[in-house]
Amino acid sequence: MNAIQPSRPPSQPIQKRRVIPRPKRHLRQRSYQVMALESTAKIAVNLVVTAVAASALAQLLPHHWLQQEKLREINTEVKLMEVHVDSLQVEFSRNFDPQQTKRIMQQQGFRFAPNQRRVVLMNKDLREDEQTESSP
């Protein structure tokens, strides 16, 4: 059992596969064609993306310019309103100033203190026109 057994020759010889060499030129040429096709596809996709981006930009620029013009108009209106609000605030604080209530009552009610005289300014040209119309 433990004895060495004689080796038996194989009944059928093992057939070696024949390796057929592939031409390397054909593989290289095919890989160059694949690379050229891949590069062409990349360039085409990039051109399409560029065209889409240019089209979107062409549509967005006029809208952007219109919005900028509206923003300028609104800013000028805001500046005008700020001036108006400032004048109203000055008038408001003047109207509610206790030291100026007497002066405001005189201006709005046309009442004067007894020691004051009423002065009415008239245009000289208008006075002459009134005299010539009433003369005839």
C-alpha atoms as a PDB file:
ATOM      1  CA  MET A   1       0.000   0.000   0.000  1.00  0.00           C
ATOM      2  CA  ASN A   2       2.723   2.268   0.747  1.00  0.00           C
ATOM      3  CA  ALA A   3       4.804   0.999  -2.091  1.00  0.00           C
ATOM      4  CA  ILE A   4       5.609   3.185  -5.034  1.00  0.00           C
ATOM      5  CA  GLN A   5       3.440   2.509  -7.935  1.00  0.00           C
ATOM      6  CA  PRO A   6       4.802   2.531 -11.397  1.00  0.00           C
ATOM      7  CA  SER A   7       3.735   5.444 -13.473  1.00  0.00           C
ATOM      8  CA  ARG A   8       1.437   4.697 -16.270  1.00  0.00           C
ATOM      9  CA  PRO A   9       1.882   6.309 -19.547  1.00  0.00           C
ATOM     10  CA  PRO A  10      -1.188   8.262 -20.557  1.00  0.00           C
ATOM     11  CA  SER A  11      -3.469   6.346 -22.796  1.00  0.00           C
ATOM     12  CA  GLN A  12      -4.058   9.306 -25.041  1.00  0.00           C
ATOM     13  CA  PRO A  13      -1.536  11.996 -25.665  1.00  0.00           C
ATOM     14  CA  ILE A  14      -2.657  15.492 -24.619  1.00  0.00           C
ATOM     15  CA  GLN A  15      -3.190  17.617 -27.646  1.00  0.00           C
ATOM     16  CA  LYS A  16      -1.748  21.059 -27.426  1.00  0.00           C
ATOM     17  CA  ARG A  17      -3.855  23.816 -28.788  1.00  0.00           C
ATOM     18  CA  ARG A  18      -2.350  25.511 -31.650  1.00  0.00           C
ATOM     19  CA  VAL A  19      -1.928  29.213 -31.002  1.00  0.00           C
ATOM     20  CA  ILE A  20      -2.803  31.223 -34.044  1.00  0.00           C
ATOM     21  CA  PRO A  21      -0.979  34.520 -34.006  1.00  0.00           C
ATOM     22  CA  ARG A  22      -3.286  37.420 -34.700  1.00  0.00           C
ATOM     23  CA  PRO A  23      -1.997  40.128 -36.864  1.00  0.00           C
ATOM     24  CA  LYS A  24      -1.115  43.093 -34.673  1.00  0.00           C
ATOM     25  CA  ARG A  25      -1.576  45.595 -37.442  1.00  0.00           C
ATOM     26  CA  HIS A  26      -5.243  44.832 -37.661  1.00  0.00           C
ATOM     27  CA  LEU A  27      -5.713  45.340 -33.910  1.00  0.00           C
ATOM     28  CA  ARG A  28      -3.833  48.608 -33.941  1.00  0.00           C
ATOM     29  CA  GLN A  29      -5.774  49.876 -36.904  1.00  0.00           C
ATOM     30  CA  ARG A  30      -9.028  48.916 -35.248  1.00  0.00           C
ATOM     31  CA  SER A  31      -8.043  50.616 -31.979  1.00  0.00           C
ATOM     32  CA  TYR A  32      -7.138  53.779 -33.928  1.00  0.00           C
ATOM     33  CA  GLN A  33     -10.514  53.688 -35.622  1.00  0.00           C
ATOM     34  CA  VAL A  34     -12.273  53.300 -32.273  1.00  0.00           C
ATOM     35  CA  MET A  35     -10.267  56.183 -30.809  1.00  0.00           C
ATOM     36  CA  ALA A  36     -11.044  58.363 -33.832  1.00  0.00           C
ATOM     37  CA  LEU A  37     -14.740  57.523 -33.586  1.00  0.00           C
ATOM     38  CA  GLU A  38     -14.727  58.261 -29.844  1.00  0.00           C
ATOM     39  CA  SER A  39     -12.942  61.590 -30.370  1.00  0.00           C
ATOM     40  CA  THR A  40     -15.387  62.521 -33.123  1.00  0.00           C
ATOM     41  CA  ALA A  41     -18.324  61.709 -30.849  1.00  0.00           C
ATOM     42  CA  LYS A  42     -16.817  63.823 -28.046  1.00  0.00           C
ATOM     43  CA  ILE A  43     -16.294  66.767 -30.394  1.00  0.00           C
ATOM     44  CA  ALA A  44     -19.861  66.450 -31.712  1.00  0.00           C
ATOM     45  CA  VAL A  45     -21.307  66.376 -28.198  1.00  0.00           C
ATOM     46  CA  ASN A  46     -19.206  69.393 -27.202  1.00  0.00           C
ATOM     47  CA  LEU A  47     -20.400  71.296 -30.284  1.00  0.00           C
ATOM     48  CA  VAL A  48     -24.016  70.510 -29.422  1.00  0.00           C
ATOM     49  CA  VAL A  49     -23.503  71.650 -25.816  1.00  0.00           C
ATOM     50  CA  THR A  50     -21.806  74.833 -27.050  1.00  0.00           C
ATOM     51  CA  ALA A  51     -24.676  75.545 -29.449  1.00  0.00           C
ATOM     52  CA  VAL A  52     -27.246  75.044 -26.690  1.00  0.00           C
ATOM     53  CA  ALA A  53     -25.304  77.317 -24.335  1.00  0.00           C
ATOM     54  CA  ALA A  54     -24.980  80.027 -26.994  1.00  0.00           C
ATOM     55  CA  SER A  55     -28.685  79.825 -27.758  1.00  0.00           C
ATOM     56  CA  ALA A  56     -29.611  80.088 -24.081  1.00  0.00           C
ATOM     57  CA  LEU A  57     -27.261  83.029 -23.656  1.00  0.00           C
ATOM     58  CA  ALA A  58     -28.750  84.748 -26.692  1.00  0.00           C
ATOM     59  CA  GLN A  59     -32.219  84.394 -25.168  1.00  0.00           C
ATOM     60  CA  LEU A  60     -31.172  85.470 -21.678  1.00  0.00           C
ATOM     61  CA  LEU A  61     -29.158  88.585 -22.548  1.00  0.00           C
ATOM     62  CA  PRO A  62     -32.107  90.723 -23.760  1.00  0.00           C
ATOM     63  CA  HIS A  63     -34.086  89.703 -20.683  1.00  0.00           C
ATOM     64  CA  HIS A  64     -31.128  90.648 -18.473  1.00  0.00           C
ATOM     65  CA  TRP A  65     -30.786  94.040 -20.162  1.00  0.00           C
ATOM     66  CA  LEU A  66     -34.503  94.713 -19.728  1.00  0.00           C
ATOM     67  CA  GLN A  67     -34.309  93.823 -16.040  1.00  0.00           C
ATOM     68  CA  GLN A  68     -31.310  96.127 -15.577  1.00  0.00           C
ATOM     69  CA  GLU A  69     -33.219  98.999 -17.209  1.00  0.00           C
ATOM     70  CA  LYS A  70     -36.211  98.399 -14.933  1.00  0.00           C
ATOM     71  CA  LEU A  71     -33.881  98.320 -11.940  1.00  0.00           C
ATOM     72  CA  ARG A  72     -32.392 101.691 -12.938  1.00  0.00           C
ATOM     73  CA  GLU A  73     -35.886 103.194 -13.263  1.00  0.00           C
ATOM     74  CA  ILE A  74     -36.890 101.860  -9.865  1.00  0.00           C
ATOM     75  CA  ASN A  75     -33.703 103.235  -8.295  1.00  0.00           C
ATOM     76  CA  THR A  76     -34.410 106.717  -9.676  1.00  0.00           C
ATOM     77  CA  GLU A  77     -37.976 106.525  -8.377  1.00  0.00           C
ATOM     78  CA  VAL A  78     -36.688 105.443  -4.976  1.00  0.00           C
ATOM     79  CA  LYS A  79     -34.320 108.424  -4.869  1.00  0.00           C
ATOM     80  CA  LEU A  80     -37.178 110.791  -5.759  1.00  0.00           C
ATOM     81  CA  MET A  81     -39.376 109.233  -3.099  1.00  0.00           C
ATOM     82  CA  GLU A  82     -36.605 109.550  -0.513  1.00  0.00           C
ATOM     83  CA  VAL A  83     -36.418 113.286  -1.202  1.00  0.00           C
ATOM     84  CA  HIS A  84     -40.201 113.543  -0.931  1.00  0.00           C
ATOM     85  CA  VAL A  85     -40.273 111.530   2.303  1.00  0.00           C
ATOM     86  CA  ASP A  86     -37.511 113.690   3.783  1.00  0.00           C
ATOM     87  CA  SER A  87     -39.491 116.849   3.039  1.00  0.00           C
ATOM     88  CA  LEU A  88     -42.635 115.310   4.532  1.00  0.00           C
ATOM     89  CA  GLN A  89     -40.716 114.314   7.660  1.00  0.00           C
ATOM     90  CA  VAL A  90     -39.406 117.863   8.040  1.00  0.00           C
ATOM     91  CA  GLU A  91     -42.926 119.244   7.631  1.00  0.00           C
ATOM     92  CA  PHE A  92     -44.312 116.673  10.063  1.00  0.00           C
ATOM     93  CA  SER A  93     -41.741 117.481  12.728  1.00  0.00           C
ATOM     94  CA  ARG A  94     -42.386 121.206  12.163  1.00  0.00           C
ATOM     95  CA  ASN A  95     -46.156 120.760  12.495  1.00  0.00           C
ATOM     96  CA  PHE A  96     -45.825 118.925  15.777  1.00  0.00           C
ATOM     97  CA  ASP A  97     -43.166 121.185  17.252  1.00  0.00           C
ATOM     98  CA  PRO A  98     -44.733 122.919  20.282  1.00  0.00           C
ATOM     99  CA  GLN A  99     -42.588 126.006  19.818  1.00  0.00           C
ATOM    100  CA  GLN A 100     -43.924 126.677  16.340  1.00  0.00           C
ATOM    101  CA  THR A 101     -47.625 126.047  16.857  1.00  0.00           C
ATOM    102  CA  LYS A 102     -48.440 129.761  17.030  1.00  0.00           C
ATOM    103  CA  ARG A 103     -46.624 130.494  13.778  1.00  0.00           C
ATOM    104  CA  ILE A 104     -48.316 127.544  12.049  1.00  0.00           C
ATOM    105  CA  MET A 105     -51.752 128.688  13.206  1.00  0.00           C
ATOM    106  CA  GLN A 106     -51.055 132.138  11.726  1.00  0.00           C
ATOM    107  CA  GLN A 107     -49.971 130.669   8.397  1.00  0.00           C
ATOM    108  CA  GLN A 108     -52.855 128.267   8.017  1.00  0.00           C
ATOM    109  CA  GLY A 109     -55.642 130.269   9.637  1.00  0.00           C
ATOM    110  CA  PHE A 110     -54.723 133.701   8.261  1.00  0.00           C
ATOM    111  CA  ARG A 111     -54.985 135.139  11.774  1.00  0.00           C
ATOM    112  CA  PHE A 112     -52.440 137.615  12.973  1.00  0.00           C
ATOM    113  CA  ALA A 113     -51.512 139.031  16.285  1.00  0.00           C
ATOM    114  CA  PRO A 114     -52.890 142.548  16.939  1.00  0.00           C
ATOM    115  CA  ASN A 115     -49.441 144.099  16.790  1.00  0.00           C
ATOM    116  CA  GLN A 116     -48.759 142.672  13.292  1.00  0.00           C
ATOM    117  CA  ARG A 117     -49.830 144.122   9.963  1.00  0.00           C
ATOM    118  CA  ARG A 118     -50.823 142.132   6.957  1.00  0.00           C
ATOM    119  CA  VAL A 119     -48.597 142.676   3.943  1.00  0.00           C
ATOM    120  CA  VAL A 120     -49.843 141.721   0.486  1.00  0.00           C
ATOM    121  CA  LEU A 121     -47.344 141.681  -2.375  1.00  0.00           C
ATOM    122  CA  MET A 122     -48.674 142.438  -5.818  1.00  0.00           C
ATOM    123  CA  ASN A 123     -47.082 142.230  -9.201  1.00  0.00           C
ATOM    124  CA  LYS A 124     -46.581 145.705 -10.707  1.00  0.00           C
ATOM    125  CA  ASP A 125     -47.548 144.615 -14.221  1.00  0.00           C
ATOM    126  CA  LEU A 126     -50.816 143.118 -13.024  1.00  0.00           C
ATOM    127  CA  ARG A 127     -51.723 146.283 -11.147  1.00  0.00           C
ATOM    128  CA  GLU A 128     -51.232 148.418 -14.290  1.00  0.00           C
ATOM    129  CA  ASP A 129     -53.384 146.031 -16.315  1.00  0.00           C
ATOM    130  CA  GLU A 130     -56.176 146.274 -13.743  1.00  0.00           C
ATOM    131  CA  GLN A 131     -56.049 150.100 -13.798  1.00  0.00           C
ATOM    132  CA  THR A 132     -56.240 150.280 -17.578  1.00  0.00           C
ATOM    133  CA  GLU A 133     -59.204 147.915 -17.681  1.00  0.00           C
ATOM    134  CA  SER A 134     -61.137 149.829 -15.017  1.00  0.00           C
ATOM    135  CA  SER A 135     -60.420 153.328 -16.541  1.00  0.00           C
ATOM    136  CA  PRO A 136     -62.668 153.382 -19.610  1.00  0.00           C
END
